Amino acid sequence: MAWHEIVRDVLKRHTVNLVTYVPDNVLRPLIDGVEADAFFTAFACTREEEALGIVAGAWMGGRRGILLMQTSGFATLPNAIASLAVPFQIPVVMMVSERGTLGEFNIGQSLVARTMRPVLDALAVEHHTMTRLDEAEFILDRSLVQAYATMAPVCFILSPLLTGGKVFAK
């Protein structure tokens, strides 16, 4: 199976049926997959903070959700994570398509990629960089169990080694 099929199946297994996202080409196969599956309610948001707030509100209403975004979008989230998800123990699940590495041309993407993990560490948010297809299901499954058991956010960073990354024009 492809990485996005594994993600979709693990989300279903854990009843994560609300998918908020800011459109992204790398995440497009996953977004298309959840949009085509009646199990999920999926929709685009205008900003990552909006998407995080919706996922947090859904949790308070008894529903599990995930926020999909790219690296640059993560840069807008530290305040929302630090003031909402962490102190109120809301297991917000985030998935980030990693930009800023492996041939990146955009300095803004590179700077955010270098700061994303230290910011997650400073906020005590569990995070995993997924690089290998054979580890994807295990990492997703166990981390979701942990997030819901400990009532803590988790962030999955999808390496270009897993997804193929963004294809740049030459």
C-alpha atoms as a PDB file:
ATOM      1  CA  MET A   1       0.000   0.000   0.000  1.00  0.00           C
ATOM      2  CA  ALA A   2       1.001   3.607  -0.494  1.00  0.00           C
ATOM      3  CA  TRP A   3       1.720   5.861   2.491  1.00  0.00           C
ATOM      4  CA  HIS A   4      -1.594   7.716   2.132  1.00  0.00           C
ATOM      5  CA  GLU A   5      -3.592   4.466   2.106  1.00  0.00           C
ATOM      6  CA  ILE A   6      -1.862   3.365   5.307  1.00  0.00           C
ATOM      7  CA  VAL A   7      -2.634   6.711   6.950  1.00  0.00           C
ATOM      8  CA  ARG A   8      -6.279   6.533   5.868  1.00  0.00           C
ATOM      9  CA  ASP A   9      -6.674   2.989   7.210  1.00  0.00           C
ATOM     10  CA  VAL A  10      -5.035   3.750  10.561  1.00  0.00           C
ATOM     11  CA  LEU A  11      -7.205   6.846  11.000  1.00  0.00           C
ATOM     12  CA  LYS A  12     -10.291   4.708  10.393  1.00  0.00           C
ATOM     13  CA  ARG A  13      -9.109   2.096  12.880  1.00  0.00           C
ATOM     14  CA  HIS A  14      -8.849   4.808  15.539  1.00  0.00           C
ATOM     15  CA  THR A  15     -12.145   6.487  14.581  1.00  0.00           C
ATOM     16  CA  VAL A  16     -10.416   9.688  13.509  1.00  0.00           C
ATOM     17  CA  ASN A  17     -13.148  10.758  11.122  1.00  0.00           C
ATOM     18  CA  LEU A  18     -12.830  14.538  10.951  1.00  0.00           C
ATOM     19  CA  VAL A  19     -10.097  15.808   8.625  1.00  0.00           C
ATOM     20  CA  THR A  20      -9.286  19.493   8.447  1.00  0.00           C
ATOM     21  CA  TYR A  21      -6.605  20.647   6.075  1.00  0.00           C
ATOM     22  CA  VAL A  22      -4.958  23.516   4.309  1.00  0.00           C
ATOM     23  CA  PRO A  23      -4.499  22.389   0.694  1.00  0.00           C
ATOM     24  CA  ASP A  24      -1.100  20.917  -0.129  1.00  0.00           C
ATOM     25  CA  ASN A  25       0.130  19.035  -3.193  1.00  0.00           C
ATOM     26  CA  VAL A  26       2.157  16.458  -1.234  1.00  0.00           C
ATOM     27  CA  LEU A  27      -0.879  15.626   0.917  1.00  0.00           C
ATOM     28  CA  ARG A  28      -3.208  15.570  -2.109  1.00  0.00           C
ATOM     29  CA  PRO A  29      -3.418  11.745  -2.340  1.00  0.00           C
ATOM     30  CA  LEU A  30      -4.466  11.526   1.327  1.00  0.00           C
ATOM     31  CA  ILE A  31      -6.878  14.438   1.019  1.00  0.00           C
ATOM     32  CA  ASP A  32      -8.449  12.910  -2.101  1.00  0.00           C
ATOM     33  CA  GLY A  33      -8.712   9.542  -0.337  1.00  0.00           C
ATOM     34  CA  VAL A  34     -10.520  10.866   2.730  1.00  0.00           C
ATOM     35  CA  GLU A  35     -12.741  13.148   0.681  1.00  0.00           C
ATOM     36  CA  ALA A  36     -13.863  10.134  -1.391  1.00  0.00           C
ATOM     37  CA  ASP A  37     -14.557   7.979   1.685  1.00  0.00           C
ATOM     38  CA  ALA A  38     -17.958   8.435   3.367  1.00  0.00           C
ATOM     39  CA  PHE A  39     -16.405   7.507   6.755  1.00  0.00           C
ATOM     40  CA  PHE A  40     -14.671  10.894   6.869  1.00  0.00           C
ATOM     41  CA  THR A  41     -15.848  14.464   7.046  1.00  0.00           C
ATOM     42  CA  ALA A  42     -13.073  16.408   5.325  1.00  0.00           C
ATOM     43  CA  PHE A  43     -12.816  20.051   4.414  1.00  0.00           C
ATOM     44  CA  ALA A  44     -10.312  22.768   3.637  1.00  0.00           C
ATOM     45  CA  CYS A  45      -9.659  25.587   6.084  1.00  0.00           C
ATOM     46  CA  THR A  46      -8.251  29.005   5.338  1.00  0.00           C
ATOM     47  CA  ARG A  47      -5.572  28.863   8.063  1.00  0.00           C
ATOM     48  CA  GLU A  48      -3.902  26.219  10.197  1.00  0.00           C
ATOM     49  CA  GLU A  49      -5.028  27.887  13.440  1.00  0.00           C
ATOM     50  CA  GLU A  50      -8.631  27.621  12.261  1.00  0.00           C
ATOM     51  CA  ALA A  51      -8.147  23.932  11.466  1.00  0.00           C
ATOM     52  CA  LEU A  52      -6.556  23.265  14.866  1.00  0.00           C
ATOM     53  CA  GLY A  53      -9.426  25.049  16.620  1.00  0.00           C
ATOM     54  CA  ILE A  54     -11.968  22.940  14.754  1.00  0.00           C
ATOM     55  CA  VAL A  55     -10.162  19.706  15.677  1.00  0.00           C
ATOM     56  CA  ALA A  56      -9.940  20.833  19.329  1.00  0.00           C
ATOM     57  CA  GLY A  57     -13.636  21.742  19.379  1.00  0.00           C
ATOM     58  CA  ALA A  58     -14.559  18.440  17.781  1.00  0.00           C
ATOM     59  CA  TRP A  59     -12.648  16.616  20.544  1.00  0.00           C
ATOM     60  CA  MET A  60     -14.617  18.516  23.194  1.00  0.00           C
ATOM     61  CA  GLY A  61     -17.765  17.424  21.354  1.00  0.00           C
ATOM     62  CA  GLY A  62     -16.741  13.758  21.396  1.00  0.00           C
ATOM     63  CA  ARG A  63     -15.206  13.438  17.950  1.00  0.00           C
ATOM     64  CA  ARG A  64     -11.646  12.677  16.825  1.00  0.00           C
ATOM     65  CA  GLY A  65      -9.960  14.719  14.142  1.00  0.00           C
ATOM     66  CA  ILE A  66      -6.681  15.435  12.418  1.00  0.00           C
ATOM     67  CA  LEU A  67      -5.126  18.566  10.914  1.00  0.00           C
ATOM     68  CA  LEU A  68      -3.174  18.205   7.654  1.00  0.00           C
ATOM     69  CA  MET A  69      -0.738  20.938   6.579  1.00  0.00           C
ATOM     70  CA  GLN A  70       2.687  21.623   5.109  1.00  0.00           C
ATOM     71  CA  THR A  71       5.766  22.806   6.973  1.00  0.00           C
ATOM     72  CA  SER A  72       5.227  26.521   6.412  1.00  0.00           C
ATOM     73  CA  GLY A  73       1.743  26.274   7.889  1.00  0.00           C
ATOM     74  CA  PHE A  74       3.118  24.802  11.079  1.00  0.00           C
ATOM     75  CA  ALA A  75       4.901  28.104  11.725  1.00  0.00           C
ATOM     76  CA  THR A  76       1.527  29.710  12.504  1.00  0.00           C
ATOM     77  CA  LEU A  77       0.557  27.161  15.183  1.00  0.00           C
ATOM     78  CA  PRO A  78       2.811  27.431  18.263  1.00  0.00           C
ATOM     79  CA  ASN A  79       0.522  29.891  20.063  1.00  0.00           C
ATOM     80  CA  ALA A  80      -2.584  27.757  19.452  1.00  0.00           C
ATOM     81  CA  ILE A  81      -0.771  24.623  20.578  1.00  0.00           C
ATOM     82  CA  ALA A  82       0.664  26.321  23.680  1.00  0.00           C
ATOM     83  CA  SER A  83      -2.529  28.106  24.705  1.00  0.00           C
ATOM     84  CA  LEU A  84      -5.175  25.534  23.733  1.00  0.00           C
ATOM     85  CA  ALA A  85      -4.066  21.979  22.980  1.00  0.00           C
ATOM     86  CA  VAL A  86      -1.368  21.521  25.641  1.00  0.00           C
ATOM     87  CA  PRO A  87      -2.874  23.243  28.720  1.00  0.00           C
ATOM     88  CA  PHE A  88      -6.356  21.828  28.148  1.00  0.00           C
ATOM     89  CA  GLN A  89      -5.003  18.346  27.369  1.00  0.00           C
ATOM     90  CA  ILE A  90      -6.607  18.065  23.951  1.00  0.00           C
ATOM     91  CA  PRO A  91      -5.059  15.300  21.839  1.00  0.00           C
ATOM     92  CA  VAL A  92      -4.861  17.329  18.651  1.00  0.00           C
ATOM     93  CA  VAL A  93      -3.411  15.152  15.899  1.00  0.00           C
ATOM     94  CA  MET A  94      -1.326  16.998  13.307  1.00  0.00           C
ATOM     95  CA  MET A  95       0.264  15.727  10.106  1.00  0.00           C
ATOM     96  CA  VAL A  96       2.831  17.880   8.321  1.00  0.00           C
ATOM     97  CA  SER A  97       4.223  17.326   4.832  1.00  0.00           C
ATOM     98  CA  GLU A  98       7.842  18.304   5.261  1.00  0.00           C
ATOM     99  CA  ARG A  99       9.316  20.980   3.040  1.00  0.00           C
ATOM    100  CA  GLY A 100      12.606  22.771   3.523  1.00  0.00           C
ATOM    101  CA  THR A 101      14.884  19.774   3.011  1.00  0.00           C
ATOM    102  CA  LEU A 102      16.274  17.674   0.182  1.00  0.00           C
ATOM    103  CA  GLY A 103      16.700  20.284  -2.523  1.00  0.00           C
ATOM    104  CA  GLU A 104      14.300  22.936  -1.245  1.00  0.00           C
ATOM    105  CA  PHE A 105      14.549  26.266  -3.095  1.00  0.00           C
ATOM    106  CA  ASN A 106      12.423  28.374  -0.737  1.00  0.00           C
ATOM    107  CA  ILE A 107      14.395  29.789   2.210  1.00  0.00           C
ATOM    108  CA  GLY A 108      11.174  30.329   4.195  1.00  0.00           C
ATOM    109  CA  GLN A 109      10.399  26.619   4.015  1.00  0.00           C
ATOM    110  CA  SER A 110      13.954  25.773   5.083  1.00  0.00           C
ATOM    111  CA  LEU A 111      13.826  28.048   8.126  1.00  0.00           C
ATOM    112  CA  VAL A 112      10.543  26.614   9.347  1.00  0.00           C
ATOM    113  CA  ALA A 113      11.784  23.062   8.777  1.00  0.00           C
ATOM    114  CA  ARG A 114      14.794  23.805  11.010  1.00  0.00           C
ATOM    115  CA  THR A 115      12.664  25.239  13.808  1.00  0.00           C
ATOM    116  CA  MET A 116       9.642  22.914  13.731  1.00  0.00           C
ATOM    117  CA  ARG A 117      11.088  20.074  15.817  1.00  0.00           C
ATOM    118  CA  PRO A 118      12.676  22.349  18.461  1.00  0.00           C
ATOM    119  CA  VAL A 119       9.334  24.164  18.825  1.00  0.00           C
ATOM    120  CA  LEU A 120       7.489  20.851  19.244  1.00  0.00           C
ATOM    121  CA  ASP A 121      10.082  19.792  21.832  1.00  0.00           C
ATOM    122  CA  ALA A 122       9.721  23.093  23.713  1.00  0.00           C
ATOM    123  CA  LEU A 123       5.952  22.588  23.828  1.00  0.00           C
ATOM    124  CA  ALA A 124       6.387  18.957  24.966  1.00  0.00           C
ATOM    125  CA  VAL A 125       4.472  17.715  21.908  1.00  0.00           C
ATOM    126  CA  GLU A 126       5.285  14.164  20.874  1.00  0.00           C
ATOM    127  CA  HIS A 127       6.420  14.079  17.257  1.00  0.00           C
ATOM    128  CA  HIS A 128       7.670  11.504  14.793  1.00  0.00           C
ATOM    129  CA  THR A 129       9.326  12.005  11.438  1.00  0.00           C
ATOM    130  CA  MET A 130       8.099   9.259   9.171  1.00  0.00           C
ATOM    131  CA  THR A 131      10.651   8.248   6.538  1.00  0.00           C
ATOM    132  CA  ARG A 132       9.921   4.590   5.792  1.00  0.00           C
ATOM    133  CA  LEU A 133       6.817   2.898   4.492  1.00  0.00           C
ATOM    134  CA  ASP A 134       7.455  -0.246   6.542  1.00  0.00           C
ATOM    135  CA  GLU A 135       7.313   1.784   9.798  1.00  0.00           C
ATOM    136  CA  ALA A 136       4.380   4.056   8.971  1.00  0.00           C
ATOM    137  CA  GLU A 137       1.536   1.908  10.281  1.00  0.00           C
ATOM    138  CA  PHE A 138       3.318   1.097  13.556  1.00  0.00           C
ATOM    139  CA  ILE A 139       4.260   4.730  14.242  1.00  0.00           C
ATOM    140  CA  LEU A 140       0.770   6.018  13.448  1.00  0.00           C
ATOM    141  CA  ASP A 141      -1.031   3.309  15.393  1.00  0.00           C
ATOM    142  CA  ARG A 142       1.046   3.487  18.574  1.00  0.00           C
ATOM    143  CA  SER A 143       1.239   7.265  18.590  1.00  0.00           C
ATOM    144  CA  LEU A 144      -2.526   7.643  18.279  1.00  0.00           C
ATOM    145  CA  VAL A 145      -3.015   5.200  21.156  1.00  0.00           C
ATOM    146  CA  GLN A 146      -0.575   7.259  23.228  1.00  0.00           C
ATOM    147  CA  ALA A 147      -2.115  10.625  22.300  1.00  0.00           C
ATOM    148  CA  TYR A 148      -5.598   9.542  23.344  1.00  0.00           C
ATOM    149  CA  ALA A 149      -4.414   7.719  26.480  1.00  0.00           C
ATOM    150  CA  THR A 150      -2.310  10.657  27.701  1.00  0.00           C
ATOM    151  CA  MET A 151      -4.613  13.408  26.377  1.00  0.00           C
ATOM    152  CA  ALA A 152      -1.708  15.064  24.593  1.00  0.00           C
ATOM    153  CA  PRO A 153      -1.142  16.388  21.066  1.00  0.00           C
ATOM    154  CA  VAL A 154       0.944  14.468  18.545  1.00  0.00           C
ATOM    155  CA  CYS A 155       2.547  15.570  15.297  1.00  0.00           C
ATOM    156  CA  PHE A 156       3.507  13.326  12.391  1.00  0.00           C
ATOM    157  CA  ILE A 157       6.088  14.830  10.051  1.00  0.00           C
ATOM    158  CA  LEU A 158       6.011  13.188   6.630  1.00  0.00           C
ATOM    159  CA  SER A 159       9.520  13.190   5.187  1.00  0.00           C
ATOM    160  CA  PRO A 160      10.020  13.493   1.423  1.00  0.00           C
ATOM    161  CA  LEU A 161      11.733  10.104   1.782  1.00  0.00           C
ATOM    162  CA  LEU A 162       8.258   8.677   2.491  1.00  0.00           C
ATOM    163  CA  THR A 163       6.036  10.817   0.262  1.00  0.00           C
ATOM    164  CA  GLY A 164       8.344  11.697  -2.597  1.00  0.00           C
ATOM    165  CA  GLY A 165       8.038  15.344  -1.590  1.00  0.00           C
ATOM    166  CA  LYS A 166       7.176  18.237  -3.791  1.00  0.00           C
ATOM    167  CA  VAL A 167       8.271  18.072  -7.405  1.00  0.00           C
ATOM    168  CA  PHE A 168       9.960  21.315  -8.380  1.00  0.00           C
ATOM    169  CA  ALA A 169      10.066  22.818 -11.862  1.00  0.00           C
ATOM    170  CA  LYS A 170      13.530  22.904 -13.402  1.00  0.00           C
END
